[in-house]
Amino acid sequence: MPKEYANAGQALYEKSINDTKTMFNKDGMMNADGAKNVLSIPG
């Protein structure tokens, strides 16, 4: 990642990445319910 992504500091950047890992499936695939949610968002 580019250095400028960590403008608030390296430690905070690393923490934010680690804190968001749980929202991803281990296989990287979106389940059917997740897809339905995405399609229901008004755009």
C-alpha atoms as a PDB file:
ATOM      1  CA  MET A   1       0.000   0.000   0.000  1.00  0.00           C
ATOM      2  CA  PRO A   2       1.160   3.529  -0.635  1.00  0.00           C
ATOM      3  CA  LYS A   3       2.570   5.395   2.367  1.00  0.00           C
ATOM      4  CA  GLU A   4      -0.105   8.090   2.126  1.00  0.00           C
ATOM      5  CA  TYR A   5      -2.775   5.497   3.064  1.00  0.00           C
ATOM      6  CA  ALA A   6      -1.422   5.626   6.612  1.00  0.00           C
ATOM      7  CA  ASN A   7      -1.774   9.394   7.088  1.00  0.00           C
ATOM      8  CA  ALA A   8      -3.108   8.924  10.629  1.00  0.00           C
ATOM      9  CA  GLY A   9      -0.114   6.767  11.502  1.00  0.00           C
ATOM     10  CA  GLN A  10       1.125   3.274  10.735  1.00  0.00           C
ATOM     11  CA  ALA A  11      -0.246   1.720  13.953  1.00  0.00           C
ATOM     12  CA  LEU A  12      -3.772   3.061  13.391  1.00  0.00           C
ATOM     13  CA  TYR A  13      -3.703   1.959   9.746  1.00  0.00           C
ATOM     14  CA  GLU A  14      -2.653  -1.580  10.721  1.00  0.00           C
ATOM     15  CA  LYS A  15      -5.327  -1.711  13.430  1.00  0.00           C
ATOM     16  CA  SER A  16      -8.052  -0.594  11.023  1.00  0.00           C
ATOM     17  CA  ILE A  17      -7.056  -3.284   8.512  1.00  0.00           C
ATOM     18  CA  ASN A  18      -6.999  -5.969  11.209  1.00  0.00           C
ATOM     19  CA  ASP A  19     -10.338  -4.829  12.638  1.00  0.00           C
ATOM     20  CA  THR A  20     -12.081  -5.175   9.264  1.00  0.00           C
ATOM     21  CA  LYS A  21     -10.776  -8.638   8.342  1.00  0.00           C
ATOM     22  CA  THR A  22     -13.738 -10.352   9.982  1.00  0.00           C
ATOM     23  CA  MET A  23     -16.173  -8.939   7.413  1.00  0.00           C
ATOM     24  CA  PHE A  24     -14.623 -11.113   4.691  1.00  0.00           C
ATOM     25  CA  ASN A  25     -15.283 -14.811   4.132  1.00  0.00           C
ATOM     26  CA  LYS A  26     -12.241 -17.080   4.266  1.00  0.00           C
ATOM     27  CA  ASP A  27     -12.852 -18.195   0.668  1.00  0.00           C
ATOM     28  CA  GLY A  28     -13.473 -14.667  -0.627  1.00  0.00           C
ATOM     29  CA  MET A  29     -16.889 -15.560  -2.020  1.00  0.00           C
ATOM     30  CA  MET A  30     -20.023 -13.531  -1.294  1.00  0.00           C
ATOM     31  CA  ASN A  31     -22.931 -15.642  -0.080  1.00  0.00           C
ATOM     32  CA  ALA A  32     -26.385 -15.318  -1.636  1.00  0.00           C
ATOM     33  CA  ASP A  33     -27.762 -13.202   1.232  1.00  0.00           C
ATOM     34  CA  GLY A  34     -24.880 -10.750   0.876  1.00  0.00           C
ATOM     35  CA  ALA A  35     -25.554 -10.419  -2.843  1.00  0.00           C
ATOM     36  CA  LYS A  36     -29.227  -9.730  -2.196  1.00  0.00           C
ATOM     37  CA  ASN A  37     -28.271  -6.961   0.228  1.00  0.00           C
ATOM     38  CA  VAL A  38     -26.008  -5.311  -2.340  1.00  0.00           C
ATOM     39  CA  LEU A  39     -28.712  -5.419  -4.990  1.00  0.00           C
ATOM     40  CA  SER A  40     -31.287  -3.902  -2.622  1.00  0.00           C
ATOM     41  CA  ILE A  41     -29.275  -0.707  -2.040  1.00  0.00           C
ATOM     42  CA  PRO A  42     -30.810   2.181  -3.988  1.00  0.00           C
ATOM     43  CA  GLY A  43     -28.351   3.621  -6.397  1.00  0.00           C
END
